[in-house]
Amino acid sequence: MISVKFIADVNVEKAIVDYLSENEYDVKWVPDYDCEIIDESLLKIANREKRILITNDKDFGELTFLQKKLSTGIILIRVKEQRADDKVKLMKQLLHNYSDKLLNHFTVVSKKKFRFVPMEDIK
């Protein structure tokens, strides 16, 4: 069993959540329990449950870097106008090649690269 746990924001495509579930990752999807949750509350849940937050919302960058609201880790998907299948492929690549860099990192996923910023750099 894979030990990394995730929580997917309301704006994350169901195909990504399905991929994670089908590959035995422990993943919760916000629409399954509260579509109205505010970002700070979502970060609190991620921290409390030690889950890496997956989101398409760049506001989490501000919460993390400017307001110093730390989390277990954040994966920010910055891929515009791309199909969910393509985002799933990027997640698959990220998890296959860089799963050891996800905990305690702010990870930015784009079409061409993955960027990892250690959370300790923002304290």
PDB file of N, CA and C in Angstrom:
ATOM      1  N   MET A   1       0.847  -1.190   0.000  1.00  0.00           N
ATOM      2  CA  MET A   1       0.000   0.000   0.000  1.00  0.00           C
ATOM      3  C   MET A   1       0.886   1.245   0.000  1.00  0.00           C
ATOM      4  N   ILE A   2       0.474   2.241  -0.723  1.00  0.00           N
ATOM      5  CA  ILE A   2       1.221   3.485  -0.855  1.00  0.00           C
ATOM      6  C   ILE A   2       0.881   4.376   0.337  1.00  0.00           C
ATOM      7  N   SER A   3       1.908   4.958   0.975  1.00  0.00           N
ATOM      8  CA  SER A   3       1.669   5.676   2.222  1.00  0.00           C
ATOM      9  C   SER A   3       1.285   7.146   2.053  1.00  0.00           C
ATOM     10  N   VAL A   4       1.548   7.750   0.901  1.00  0.00           N
ATOM     11  CA  VAL A   4       1.201   9.155   0.691  1.00  0.00           C
ATOM     12  C   VAL A   4      -0.315   9.286   0.570  1.00  0.00           C
ATOM     13  N   LYS A   5      -0.875  10.285   1.302  1.00  0.00           N
ATOM     14  CA  LYS A   5      -2.315  10.515   1.244  1.00  0.00           C
ATOM     15  C   LYS A   5      -2.576  11.870   0.604  1.00  0.00           C
ATOM     16  N   PHE A   6      -3.712  11.967  -0.089  1.00  0.00           N
ATOM     17  CA  PHE A   6      -4.055  13.180  -0.813  1.00  0.00           C
ATOM     18  C   PHE A   6      -5.442  13.667  -0.444  1.00  0.00           C
ATOM     19  N   ILE A   7      -5.642  14.975  -0.637  1.00  0.00           N
ATOM     20  CA  ILE A   7      -6.983  15.556  -0.628  1.00  0.00           C
ATOM     21  C   ILE A   7      -7.062  16.438  -1.874  1.00  0.00           C
ATOM     22  N   ALA A   8      -8.061  16.210  -2.702  1.00  0.00           N
ATOM     23  CA  ALA A   8      -8.209  16.934  -3.963  1.00  0.00           C
ATOM     24  C   ALA A   8      -9.263  18.029  -3.808  1.00  0.00           C
ATOM     25  N   ASP A   9      -8.875  19.228  -4.164  1.00  0.00           N
ATOM     26  CA  ASP A   9      -9.744  20.401  -4.094  1.00  0.00           C
ATOM     27  C   ASP A   9     -10.948  20.215  -5.029  1.00  0.00           C
ATOM     28  N   VAL A  10     -11.962  21.027  -4.814  1.00  0.00           N
ATOM     29  CA  VAL A  10     -13.188  20.956  -5.606  1.00  0.00           C
ATOM     30  C   VAL A  10     -12.918  21.186  -7.098  1.00  0.00           C
ATOM     31  N   ASN A  11     -11.850  21.921  -7.427  1.00  0.00           N
ATOM     32  CA  ASN A  11     -11.565  22.247  -8.828  1.00  0.00           C
ATOM     33  C   ASN A  11     -10.705  21.196  -9.541  1.00  0.00           C
ATOM     34  N   VAL A  12     -10.363  20.131  -8.862  1.00  0.00           N
ATOM     35  CA  VAL A  12      -9.564  19.066  -9.463  1.00  0.00           C
ATOM     36  C   VAL A  12     -10.493  18.104 -10.199  1.00  0.00           C
ATOM     37  N   GLU A  13     -10.115  17.771 -11.408  1.00  0.00           N
ATOM     38  CA  GLU A  13     -10.941  16.908 -12.250  1.00  0.00           C
ATOM     39  C   GLU A  13     -11.123  15.529 -11.623  1.00  0.00           C
ATOM     40  N   LYS A  14     -12.344  15.006 -11.761  1.00  0.00           N
ATOM     41  CA  LYS A  14     -12.662  13.690 -11.210  1.00  0.00           C
ATOM     42  C   LYS A  14     -11.744  12.616 -11.792  1.00  0.00           C
ATOM     43  N   ALA A  15     -11.303  12.769 -13.020  1.00  0.00           N
ATOM     44  CA  ALA A  15     -10.416  11.777 -13.645  1.00  0.00           C
ATOM     45  C   ALA A  15      -9.119  11.614 -12.845  1.00  0.00           C
ATOM     46  N   ILE A  16      -8.621  12.697 -12.262  1.00  0.00           N
ATOM     47  CA  ILE A  16      -7.406  12.619 -11.449  1.00  0.00           C
ATOM     48  C   ILE A  16      -7.695  11.851 -10.160  1.00  0.00           C
ATOM     49  N   VAL A  17      -8.811  12.166  -9.529  1.00  0.00           N
ATOM     50  CA  VAL A  17      -9.205  11.472  -8.305  1.00  0.00           C
ATOM     51  C   VAL A  17      -9.419   9.986  -8.592  1.00  0.00           C
ATOM     52  N   ASP A  18     -10.079   9.686  -9.686  1.00  0.00           N
ATOM     53  CA  ASP A  18     -10.306   8.284 -10.071  1.00  0.00           C
ATOM     54  C   ASP A  18      -8.987   7.554 -10.303  1.00  0.00           C
ATOM     55  N   TYR A  19      -8.053   8.209 -10.979  1.00  0.00           N
ATOM     56  CA  TYR A  19      -6.741   7.597 -11.233  1.00  0.00           C
ATOM     57  C   TYR A  19      -6.068   7.252  -9.900  1.00  0.00           C
ATOM     58  N   LEU A  20      -6.074   8.200  -8.964  1.00  0.00           N
ATOM     59  CA  LEU A  20      -5.437   7.953  -7.672  1.00  0.00           C
ATOM     60  C   LEU A  20      -6.112   6.799  -6.931  1.00  0.00           C
ATOM     61  N   SER A  21      -7.431   6.794  -6.913  1.00  0.00           N
ATOM     62  CA  SER A  21      -8.180   5.726  -6.236  1.00  0.00           C
ATOM     63  C   SER A  21      -7.905   4.373  -6.870  1.00  0.00           C
ATOM     64  N   GLU A  22      -7.943   4.333  -8.188  1.00  0.00           N
ATOM     65  CA  GLU A  22      -7.722   3.077  -8.911  1.00  0.00           C
ATOM     66  C   GLU A  22      -6.314   2.527  -8.700  1.00  0.00           C
ATOM     67  N   ASN A  23      -5.376   3.404  -8.338  1.00  0.00           N
ATOM     68  CA  ASN A  23      -3.999   2.978  -8.114  1.00  0.00           C
ATOM     69  C   ASN A  23      -3.658   2.892  -6.626  1.00  0.00           C
ATOM     70  N   GLU A  24      -4.704   2.727  -5.826  1.00  0.00           N
ATOM     71  CA  GLU A  24      -4.606   2.443  -4.396  1.00  0.00           C
ATOM     72  C   GLU A  24      -4.014   3.566  -3.556  1.00  0.00           C
ATOM     73  N   TYR A  25      -4.107   4.800  -4.037  1.00  0.00           N
ATOM     74  CA  TYR A  25      -3.733   5.937  -3.210  1.00  0.00           C
ATOM     75  C   TYR A  25      -4.910   6.281  -2.309  1.00  0.00           C
ATOM     76  N   ASP A  26      -4.621   6.719  -1.111  1.00  0.00           N
ATOM     77  CA  ASP A  26      -5.630   7.184  -0.182  1.00  0.00           C
ATOM     78  C   ASP A  26      -5.945   8.626  -0.583  1.00  0.00           C
ATOM     79  N   VAL A  27      -7.110   8.837  -1.174  1.00  0.00           N
ATOM     80  CA  VAL A  27      -7.467  10.167  -1.668  1.00  0.00           C
ATOM     81  C   VAL A  27      -8.891  10.514  -1.256  1.00  0.00           C
ATOM     82  N   LYS A  28      -9.056  11.742  -0.800  1.00  0.00           N
ATOM     83  CA  LYS A  28     -10.383  12.297  -0.532  1.00  0.00           C
ATOM     84  C   LYS A  28     -10.603  13.417  -1.535  1.00  0.00           C
ATOM     85  N   TRP A  29     -11.852  13.548  -1.985  1.00  0.00           N
ATOM     86  CA  TRP A  29     -12.188  14.599  -2.945  1.00  0.00           C
ATOM     87  C   TRP A  29     -13.190  15.534  -2.288  1.00  0.00           C
ATOM     88  N   VAL A  30     -12.863  16.810  -2.210  1.00  0.00           N
ATOM     89  CA  VAL A  30     -13.687  17.796  -1.514  1.00  0.00           C
ATOM     90  C   VAL A  30     -15.173  17.737  -1.918  1.00  0.00           C
ATOM     91  N   PRO A  31     -15.530  17.615  -3.215  1.00  0.00           N
ATOM     92  CA  PRO A  31     -16.960  17.573  -3.555  1.00  0.00           C
ATOM     93  C   PRO A  31     -17.723  16.424  -2.898  1.00  0.00           C
ATOM     94  N   ASP A  32     -17.002  15.404  -2.439  1.00  0.00           N
ATOM     95  CA  ASP A  32     -17.681  14.303  -1.760  1.00  0.00           C
ATOM     96  C   ASP A  32     -18.205  14.690  -0.382  1.00  0.00           C
ATOM     97  N   TYR A  33     -17.674  15.789   0.185  1.00  0.00           N
ATOM     98  CA  TYR A  33     -18.197  16.163   1.499  1.00  0.00           C
ATOM     99  C   TYR A  33     -18.476  17.633   1.734  1.00  0.00           C
ATOM    100  N   ASP A  34     -17.871  18.576   0.995  1.00  0.00           N
ATOM    101  CA  ASP A  34     -18.208  19.984   1.220  1.00  0.00           C
ATOM    102  C   ASP A  34     -17.684  20.859   0.081  1.00  0.00           C
ATOM    103  N   CYS A  35     -18.529  21.173  -0.872  1.00  0.00           N
ATOM    104  CA  CYS A  35     -18.131  22.003  -2.019  1.00  0.00           C
ATOM    105  C   CYS A  35     -17.934  23.470  -1.650  1.00  0.00           C
ATOM    106  N   GLU A  36     -18.402  23.873  -0.498  1.00  0.00           N
ATOM    107  CA  GLU A  36     -18.330  25.277  -0.090  1.00  0.00           C
ATOM    108  C   GLU A  36     -17.162  25.573   0.837  1.00  0.00           C
ATOM    109  N   ILE A  37     -16.313  24.617   1.076  1.00  0.00           N
ATOM    110  CA  ILE A  37     -15.220  24.789   2.028  1.00  0.00           C
ATOM    111  C   ILE A  37     -14.276  25.912   1.576  1.00  0.00           C
ATOM    112  N   ILE A  38     -13.833  26.719   2.528  1.00  0.00           N
ATOM    113  CA  ILE A  38     -12.903  27.799   2.188  1.00  0.00           C
ATOM    114  C   ILE A  38     -11.467  27.257   2.204  1.00  0.00           C
ATOM    115  N   ASP A  39     -10.589  27.947   1.496  1.00  0.00           N
ATOM    116  CA  ASP A  39      -9.221  27.470   1.320  1.00  0.00           C
ATOM    117  C   ASP A  39      -8.505  27.224   2.647  1.00  0.00           C
ATOM    118  N   GLU A  40      -8.628  28.141   3.598  1.00  0.00           N
ATOM    119  CA  GLU A  40      -7.936  27.975   4.876  1.00  0.00           C
ATOM    120  C   GLU A  40      -8.430  26.740   5.627  1.00  0.00           C
ATOM    121  N   SER A  41      -9.720  26.464   5.548  1.00  0.00           N
ATOM    122  CA  SER A  41     -10.267  25.268   6.196  1.00  0.00           C
ATOM    123  C   SER A  41      -9.766  24.008   5.508  1.00  0.00           C
ATOM    124  N   LEU A  42      -9.651  24.066   4.205  1.00  0.00           N
ATOM    125  CA  LEU A  42      -9.135  22.916   3.449  1.00  0.00           C
ATOM    126  C   LEU A  42      -7.685  22.631   3.843  1.00  0.00           C
ATOM    127  N   LEU A  43      -6.890  23.678   4.001  1.00  0.00           N
ATOM    128  CA  LEU A  43      -5.501  23.491   4.455  1.00  0.00           C
ATOM    129  C   LEU A  43      -5.453  22.884   5.862  1.00  0.00           C
ATOM    130  N   LYS A  44      -6.373  23.309   6.730  1.00  0.00           N
ATOM    131  CA  LYS A  44      -6.416  22.751   8.087  1.00  0.00           C
ATOM    132  C   LYS A  44      -6.712  21.260   8.051  1.00  0.00           C
ATOM    133  N   ILE A  45      -7.646  20.862   7.200  1.00  0.00           N
ATOM    134  CA  ILE A  45      -7.965  19.434   7.060  1.00  0.00           C
ATOM    135  C   ILE A  45      -6.751  18.675   6.538  1.00  0.00           C
ATOM    136  N   ALA A  46      -6.114  19.232   5.506  1.00  0.00           N
ATOM    137  CA  ALA A  46      -4.921  18.587   4.939  1.00  0.00           C
ATOM    138  C   ALA A  46      -3.852  18.417   6.010  1.00  0.00           C
ATOM    139  N   ASN A  47      -3.637  19.452   6.821  1.00  0.00           N
ATOM    140  CA  ASN A  47      -2.643  19.372   7.898  1.00  0.00           C
ATOM    141  C   ASN A  47      -3.028  18.332   8.946  1.00  0.00           C
ATOM    142  N   ARG A  48      -4.277  18.403   9.385  1.00  0.00           N
ATOM    143  CA  ARG A  48      -4.748  17.500  10.443  1.00  0.00           C
ATOM    144  C   ARG A  48      -4.654  16.032  10.004  1.00  0.00           C
ATOM    145  N   GLU A  49      -5.014  15.761   8.749  1.00  0.00           N
ATOM    146  CA  GLU A  49      -5.025  14.380   8.250  1.00  0.00           C
ATOM    147  C   GLU A  49      -3.727  14.003   7.552  1.00  0.00           C
ATOM    148  N   LYS A  50      -2.766  14.915   7.544  1.00  0.00           N
ATOM    149  CA  LYS A  50      -1.462  14.697   6.899  1.00  0.00           C
ATOM    150  C   LYS A  50      -1.626  14.250   5.443  1.00  0.00           C
ATOM    151  N   ARG A  51      -2.410  15.068   4.713  1.00  0.00           N
ATOM    152  CA  ARG A  51      -2.670  14.802   3.299  1.00  0.00           C
ATOM    153  C   ARG A  51      -2.030  15.886   2.445  1.00  0.00           C
ATOM    154  N   ILE A  52      -1.559  15.509   1.286  1.00  0.00           N
ATOM    155  CA  ILE A  52      -1.044  16.461   0.310  1.00  0.00           C
ATOM    156  C   ILE A  52      -2.240  17.002  -0.460  1.00  0.00           C
ATOM    157  N   LEU A  53      -2.346  18.313  -0.516  1.00  0.00           N
ATOM    158  CA  LEU A  53      -3.450  18.962  -1.214  1.00  0.00           C
ATOM    159  C   LEU A  53      -3.152  19.061  -2.700  1.00  0.00           C
ATOM    160  N   ILE A  54      -4.083  18.615  -3.517  1.00  0.00           N
ATOM    161  CA  ILE A  54      -3.986  18.771  -4.975  1.00  0.00           C
ATOM    162  C   ILE A  54      -4.999  19.825  -5.373  1.00  0.00           C
ATOM    163  N   THR A  55      -4.561  20.834  -6.136  1.00  0.00           N
ATOM    164  CA  THR A  55      -5.451  21.929  -6.503  1.00  0.00           C
ATOM    165  C   THR A  55      -5.072  22.535  -7.844  1.00  0.00           C
ATOM    166  N   ASN A  56      -6.007  23.231  -8.439  1.00  0.00           N
ATOM    167  CA  ASN A  56      -5.770  24.061  -9.622  1.00  0.00           C
ATOM    168  C   ASN A  56      -5.771  25.537  -9.232  1.00  0.00           C
ATOM    169  N   ASP A  57      -5.907  25.823  -7.945  1.00  0.00           N
ATOM    170  CA  ASP A  57      -6.112  27.173  -7.424  1.00  0.00           C
ATOM    171  C   ASP A  57      -4.791  27.773  -6.939  1.00  0.00           C
ATOM    172  N   LYS A  58      -4.302  28.778  -7.664  1.00  0.00           N
ATOM    173  CA  LYS A  58      -3.019  29.381  -7.294  1.00  0.00           C
ATOM    174  C   LYS A  58      -3.096  30.211  -6.017  1.00  0.00           C
ATOM    175  N   ASP A  59      -4.298  30.443  -5.466  1.00  0.00           N
ATOM    176  CA  ASP A  59      -4.423  31.146  -4.187  1.00  0.00           C
ATOM    177  C   ASP A  59      -3.693  30.408  -3.069  1.00  0.00           C
ATOM    178  N   PHE A  60      -3.513  29.107  -3.228  1.00  0.00           N
ATOM    179  CA  PHE A  60      -2.799  28.351  -2.195  1.00  0.00           C
ATOM    180  C   PHE A  60      -1.327  28.746  -2.140  1.00  0.00           C
ATOM    181  N   GLY A  61      -0.804  29.269  -3.227  1.00  0.00           N
ATOM    182  CA  GLY A  61       0.552  29.800  -3.211  1.00  0.00           C
ATOM    183  C   GLY A  61       0.645  30.987  -2.267  1.00  0.00           C
ATOM    184  N   GLU A  62      -0.359  31.852  -2.327  1.00  0.00           N
ATOM    185  CA  GLU A  62      -0.381  33.015  -1.435  1.00  0.00           C
ATOM    186  C   GLU A  62      -0.528  32.580   0.017  1.00  0.00           C
ATOM    187  N   LEU A  63      -1.445  31.643   0.269  1.00  0.00           N
ATOM    188  CA  LEU A  63      -1.629  31.167   1.642  1.00  0.00           C
ATOM    189  C   LEU A  63      -0.340  30.551   2.183  1.00  0.00           C
ATOM    190  N   THR A  64       0.363  29.852   1.320  1.00  0.00           N
ATOM    191  CA  THR A  64       1.574  29.160   1.751  1.00  0.00           C
ATOM    192  C   THR A  64       2.756  30.103   1.906  1.00  0.00           C
ATOM    193  N   PHE A  65       3.001  30.929   0.903  1.00  0.00           N
ATOM    194  CA  PHE A  65       4.211  31.742   0.900  1.00  0.00           C
ATOM    195  C   PHE A  65       4.064  33.089   1.605  1.00  0.00           C
ATOM    196  N   LEU A  66       2.934  33.756   1.432  1.00  0.00           N
ATOM    197  CA  LEU A  66       2.764  35.079   2.034  1.00  0.00           C
ATOM    198  C   LEU A  66       2.198  35.008   3.454  1.00  0.00           C
ATOM    199  N   GLN A  67       1.222  34.135   3.644  1.00  0.00           N
ATOM    200  CA  GLN A  67       0.587  34.056   4.957  1.00  0.00           C
ATOM    201  C   GLN A  67       1.200  32.964   5.840  1.00  0.00           C
ATOM    202  N   LYS A  68       2.153  32.224   5.291  1.00  0.00           N
ATOM    203  CA  LYS A  68       2.887  31.190   6.034  1.00  0.00           C
ATOM    204  C   LYS A  68       1.982  30.114   6.619  1.00  0.00           C
ATOM    205  N   LYS A  69       0.950  29.746   5.864  1.00  0.00           N
ATOM    206  CA  LYS A  69       0.062  28.667   6.286  1.00  0.00           C
ATOM    207  C   LYS A  69       0.618  27.374   5.695  1.00  0.00           C
ATOM    208  N   LEU A  70       1.352  26.641   6.491  1.00  0.00           N
ATOM    209  CA  LEU A  70       2.031  25.448   6.004  1.00  0.00           C
ATOM    210  C   LEU A  70       1.070  24.279   5.865  1.00  0.00           C
ATOM    211  N   SER A  71       1.482  23.303   5.112  1.00  0.00           N
ATOM    212  CA  SER A  71       0.701  22.079   4.991  1.00  0.00           C
ATOM    213  C   SER A  71       1.662  20.913   4.810  1.00  0.00           C
ATOM    214  N   THR A  72       1.096  19.742   4.731  1.00  0.00           N
ATOM    215  CA  THR A  72       1.870  18.525   4.510  1.00  0.00           C
ATOM    216  C   THR A  72       2.533  18.561   3.137  1.00  0.00           C
ATOM    217  N   GLY A  73       1.904  19.257   2.230  1.00  0.00           N
ATOM    218  CA  GLY A  73       2.404  19.402   0.872  1.00  0.00           C
ATOM    219  C   GLY A  73       1.275  19.878  -0.017  1.00  0.00           C
ATOM    220  N   ILE A  74       1.630  20.534  -1.100  1.00  0.00           N
ATOM    221  CA  ILE A  74       0.627  21.023  -2.059  1.00  0.00           C
ATOM    222  C   ILE A  74       1.121  20.706  -3.452  1.00  0.00           C
ATOM    223  N   ILE A  75       0.209  20.208  -4.273  1.00  0.00           N
ATOM    224  CA  ILE A  75       0.479  20.030  -5.699  1.00  0.00           C
ATOM    225  C   ILE A  75      -0.434  21.005  -6.422  1.00  0.00           C
ATOM    226  N   LEU A  76       0.164  22.005  -7.041  1.00  0.00           N
ATOM    227  CA  LEU A  76      -0.585  23.003  -7.805  1.00  0.00           C
ATOM    228  C   LEU A  76      -0.476  22.656  -9.278  1.00  0.00           C
ATOM    229  N   ILE A  77      -1.592  22.345  -9.891  1.00  0.00           N
ATOM    230  CA  ILE A  77      -1.610  22.004 -11.317  1.00  0.00           C
ATOM    231  C   ILE A  77      -1.857  23.283 -12.102  1.00  0.00           C
ATOM    232  N   ARG A  78      -0.851  23.724 -12.839  1.00  0.00           N
ATOM    233  CA  ARG A  78      -0.925  24.963 -13.618  1.00  0.00           C
ATOM    234  C   ARG A  78      -0.898  24.623 -15.097  1.00  0.00           C
ATOM    235  N   VAL A  79      -1.916  23.920 -15.543  1.00  0.00           N
ATOM    236  CA  VAL A  79      -2.027  23.500 -16.932  1.00  0.00           C
ATOM    237  C   VAL A  79      -3.373  23.990 -17.436  1.00  0.00           C
ATOM    238  N   LYS A  80      -3.350  24.997 -18.305  1.00  0.00           N
ATOM    239  CA  LYS A  80      -4.594  25.568 -18.807  1.00  0.00           C
ATOM    240  C   LYS A  80      -5.001  24.903 -20.110  1.00  0.00           C
ATOM    241  N   GLU A  81      -6.300  24.876 -20.312  1.00  0.00           N
ATOM    242  CA  GLU A  81      -6.880  24.405 -21.578  1.00  0.00           C
ATOM    243  C   GLU A  81      -6.340  23.054 -22.010  1.00  0.00           C
ATOM    244  N   GLN A  82      -6.174  22.154 -21.044  1.00  0.00           N
ATOM    245  CA  GLN A  82      -5.743  20.818 -21.383  1.00  0.00           C
ATOM    246  C   GLN A  82      -6.781  19.842 -20.859  1.00  0.00           C
ATOM    247  N   ARG A  83      -6.951  18.769 -21.566  1.00  0.00           N
ATOM    248  CA  ARG A  83      -7.946  17.773 -21.183  1.00  0.00           C
ATOM    249  C   ARG A  83      -7.561  17.084 -19.878  1.00  0.00           C
ATOM    250  N   ALA A  84      -8.556  16.569 -19.206  1.00  0.00           N
ATOM    251  CA  ALA A  84      -8.325  15.864 -17.944  1.00  0.00           C
ATOM    252  C   ALA A  84      -7.373  14.690 -18.155  1.00  0.00           C
ATOM    253  N   ASP A  85      -7.487  14.012 -19.294  1.00  0.00           N
ATOM    254  CA  ASP A  85      -6.588  12.870 -19.586  1.00  0.00           C
ATOM    255  C   ASP A  85      -5.127  13.309 -19.556  1.00  0.00           C
ATOM    256  N   ASP A  86      -4.865  14.490 -20.107  1.00  0.00           N
ATOM    257  CA  ASP A  86      -3.492  14.998 -20.135  1.00  0.00           C
ATOM    258  C   ASP A  86      -3.005  15.322 -18.725  1.00  0.00           C
ATOM    259  N   LYS A  87      -3.894  15.840 -17.896  1.00  0.00           N
ATOM    260  CA  LYS A  87      -3.520  16.134 -16.513  1.00  0.00           C
ATOM    261  C   LYS A  87      -3.265  14.841 -15.737  1.00  0.00           C
ATOM    262  N   VAL A  88      -4.046  13.823 -16.032  1.00  0.00           N
ATOM    263  CA  VAL A  88      -3.827  12.512 -15.402  1.00  0.00           C
ATOM    264  C   VAL A  88      -2.449  11.980 -15.788  1.00  0.00           C
ATOM    265  N   LYS A  89      -2.069  12.127 -17.042  1.00  0.00           N
ATOM    266  CA  LYS A  89      -0.738  11.674 -17.481  1.00  0.00           C
ATOM    267  C   LYS A  89       0.364  12.412 -16.741  1.00  0.00           C
ATOM    268  N   LEU A  90       0.184  13.715 -16.536  1.00  0.00           N
ATOM    269  CA  LEU A  90       1.173  14.488 -15.786  1.00  0.00           C
ATOM    270  C   LEU A  90       1.245  14.015 -14.328  1.00  0.00           C
ATOM    271  N   MET A  91       0.099  13.745 -13.712  1.00  0.00           N
ATOM    272  CA  MET A  91       0.086  13.242 -12.331  1.00  0.00           C
ATOM    273  C   MET A  91       0.774  11.882 -12.256  1.00  0.00           C
ATOM    274  N   LYS A  92       0.495  11.049 -13.234  1.00  0.00           N
ATOM    275  CA  LYS A  92       1.116   9.721 -13.277  1.00  0.00           C
ATOM    276  C   LYS A  92       2.639   9.858 -13.353  1.00  0.00           C
ATOM    277  N   GLN A  93       3.099  10.746 -14.202  1.00  0.00           N
ATOM    278  CA  GLN A  93       4.533  10.991 -14.353  1.00  0.00           C
ATOM    279  C   GLN A  93       5.125  11.542 -13.051  1.00  0.00           C
ATOM    280  N   LEU A  94       4.422  12.486 -12.444  1.00  0.00           N
ATOM    281  CA  LEU A  94       4.868  13.076 -11.183  1.00  0.00           C
ATOM    282  C   LEU A  94       5.009  11.999 -10.105  1.00  0.00           C
ATOM    283  N   LEU A  95       3.986  11.178  -9.950  1.00  0.00           N
ATOM    284  CA  LEU A  95       3.996  10.158  -8.903  1.00  0.00           C
ATOM    285  C   LEU A  95       5.032   9.075  -9.179  1.00  0.00           C
ATOM    286  N   HIS A  96       5.207   8.733 -10.431  1.00  0.00           N
ATOM    287  CA  HIS A  96       6.161   7.678 -10.798  1.00  0.00           C
ATOM    288  C   HIS A  96       7.605   8.138 -10.595  1.00  0.00           C
ATOM    289  N   ASN A  97       7.897   9.373 -10.974  1.00  0.00           N
ATOM    290  CA  ASN A  97       9.284   9.850 -10.969  1.00  0.00           C
ATOM    291  C   ASN A  97       9.690  10.662  -9.745  1.00  0.00           C
ATOM    292  N   TYR A  98       8.711  11.270  -9.058  1.00  0.00           N
ATOM    293  CA  TYR A  98       9.060  12.213  -7.997  1.00  0.00           C
ATOM    294  C   TYR A  98       8.274  12.026  -6.703  1.00  0.00           C
ATOM    295  N   SER A  99       7.728  10.868  -6.466  1.00  0.00           N
ATOM    296  CA  SER A  99       6.890  10.684  -5.275  1.00  0.00           C
ATOM    297  C   SER A  99       7.640  10.997  -3.984  1.00  0.00           C
ATOM    298  N   ASP A 100       8.954  10.851  -3.993  1.00  0.00           N
ATOM    299  CA  ASP A 100       9.749  11.134  -2.800  1.00  0.00           C
ATOM    300  C   ASP A 100       9.901  12.630  -2.539  1.00  0.00           C
ATOM    301  N   LYS A 101       9.500  13.476  -3.490  1.00  0.00           N
ATOM    302  CA  LYS A 101       9.637  14.930  -3.324  1.00  0.00           C
ATOM    303  C   LYS A 101       8.319  15.623  -2.982  1.00  0.00           C
ATOM    304  N   LEU A 102       7.258  14.883  -2.779  1.00  0.00           N
ATOM    305  CA  LEU A 102       5.949  15.501  -2.597  1.00  0.00           C
ATOM    306  C   LEU A 102       5.681  15.951  -1.162  1.00  0.00           C
ATOM    307  N   LEU A 103       6.044  15.139  -0.192  1.00  0.00           N
ATOM    308  CA  LEU A 103       5.799  15.507   1.195  1.00  0.00           C
ATOM    309  C   LEU A 103       6.598  16.753   1.557  1.00  0.00           C
ATOM    310  N   ASN A 104       5.927  17.673   2.229  1.00  0.00           N
ATOM    311  CA  ASN A 104       6.567  18.902   2.705  1.00  0.00           C
ATOM    312  C   ASN A 104       7.155  19.759   1.583  1.00  0.00           C
ATOM    313  N   HIS A 105       6.546  19.695   0.411  1.00  0.00           N
ATOM    314  CA  HIS A 105       6.959  20.525  -0.720  1.00  0.00           C
ATOM    315  C   HIS A 105       5.732  21.193  -1.347  1.00  0.00           C
ATOM    316  N   PHE A 106       5.959  22.352  -1.897  1.00  0.00           N
ATOM    317  CA  PHE A 106       4.969  23.016  -2.746  1.00  0.00           C
ATOM    318  C   PHE A 106       5.398  22.665  -4.166  1.00  0.00           C
ATOM    319  N   THR A 107       4.612  21.816  -4.821  1.00  0.00           N
ATOM    320  CA  THR A 107       4.959  21.306  -6.146  1.00  0.00           C
ATOM    321  C   THR A 107       4.093  21.983  -7.195  1.00  0.00           C
ATOM    322  N   VAL A 108       4.714  22.501  -8.225  1.00  0.00           N
ATOM    323  CA  VAL A 108       3.985  23.112  -9.329  1.00  0.00           C
ATOM    324  C   VAL A 108       4.137  22.208 -10.550  1.00  0.00           C
ATOM    325  N   VAL A 109       2.994  21.805 -11.088  1.00  0.00           N
ATOM    326  CA  VAL A 109       2.962  20.940 -12.259  1.00  0.00           C
ATOM    327  C   VAL A 109       2.570  21.781 -13.460  1.00  0.00           C
ATOM    328  N   SER A 110       3.403  21.787 -14.481  1.00  0.00           N
ATOM    329  CA  SER A 110       3.061  22.459 -15.737  1.00  0.00           C
ATOM    330  C   SER A 110       3.297  21.476 -16.878  1.00  0.00           C
ATOM    331  N   LYS A 111       2.953  21.883 -18.087  1.00  0.00           N
ATOM    332  CA  LYS A 111       3.095  20.990 -19.245  1.00  0.00           C
ATOM    333  C   LYS A 111       4.520  20.502 -19.422  1.00  0.00           C
ATOM    334  N   LYS A 112       5.478  21.375 -19.164  1.00  0.00           N
ATOM    335  CA  LYS A 112       6.868  21.059 -19.487  1.00  0.00           C
ATOM    336  C   LYS A 112       7.743  20.677 -18.317  1.00  0.00           C
ATOM    337  N   LYS A 113       7.319  20.995 -17.073  1.00  0.00           N
ATOM    338  CA  LYS A 113       8.203  20.674 -15.951  1.00  0.00           C
ATOM    339  C   LYS A 113       7.449  20.597 -14.631  1.00  0.00           C
ATOM    340  N   PHE A 114       8.173  20.053 -13.649  1.00  0.00           N
ATOM    341  CA  PHE A 114       7.704  20.015 -12.271  1.00  0.00           C
ATOM    342  C   PHE A 114       8.685  20.847 -11.451  1.00  0.00           C
ATOM    343  N   ARG A 115       8.137  21.691 -10.572  1.00  0.00           N
ATOM    344  CA  ARG A 115       8.993  22.522  -9.722  1.00  0.00           C
ATOM    345  C   ARG A 115       8.659  22.200  -8.268  1.00  0.00           C
ATOM    346  N   PHE A 116       9.691  22.027  -7.453  1.00  0.00           N
ATOM    347  CA  PHE A 116       9.524  21.639  -6.060  1.00  0.00           C
ATOM    348  C   PHE A 116      10.157  22.690  -5.149  1.00  0.00           C
ATOM    349  N   VAL A 117       9.347  23.261  -4.256  1.00  0.00           N
ATOM    350  CA  VAL A 117       9.844  24.224  -3.286  1.00  0.00           C
ATOM    351  C   VAL A 117       9.643  23.615  -1.904  1.00  0.00           C
ATOM    352  N   PRO A 118      10.732  23.346  -1.179  1.00  0.00           N
ATOM    353  CA  PRO A 118      10.587  22.763   0.159  1.00  0.00           C
ATOM    354  C   PRO A 118       9.798  23.697   1.083  1.00  0.00           C
ATOM    355  N   MET A 119       8.889  23.131   1.857  1.00  0.00           N
ATOM    356  CA  MET A 119       8.077  23.935   2.765  1.00  0.00           C
ATOM    357  C   MET A 119       8.938  24.618   3.817  1.00  0.00           C
ATOM    358  N   GLU A 120      10.055  24.031   4.213  1.00  0.00           N
ATOM    359  CA  GLU A 120      10.887  24.678   5.232  1.00  0.00           C
ATOM    360  C   GLU A 120      11.477  25.994   4.729  1.00  0.00           C
ATOM    361  N   ASP A 121      11.511  26.193   3.418  1.00  0.00           N
ATOM    362  CA  ASP A 121      12.011  27.448   2.854  1.00  0.00           C
ATOM    363  C   ASP A 121      11.051  28.613   3.062  1.00  0.00           C
ATOM    364  N   ILE A 122       9.824  28.325   3.506  1.00  0.00           N
ATOM    365  CA  ILE A 122       8.826  29.387   3.623  1.00  0.00           C
ATOM    366  C   ILE A 122       8.476  29.710   5.072  1.00  0.00           C
ATOM    367  N   LYS A 123       9.159  29.107   6.002  1.00  0.00           N
ATOM    368  CA  LYS A 123       8.854  29.377   7.417  1.00  0.00           C
ATOM    369  C   LYS A 123       9.324  30.749   7.817  1.00  0.00           C
TER     370      LYS A 123
END
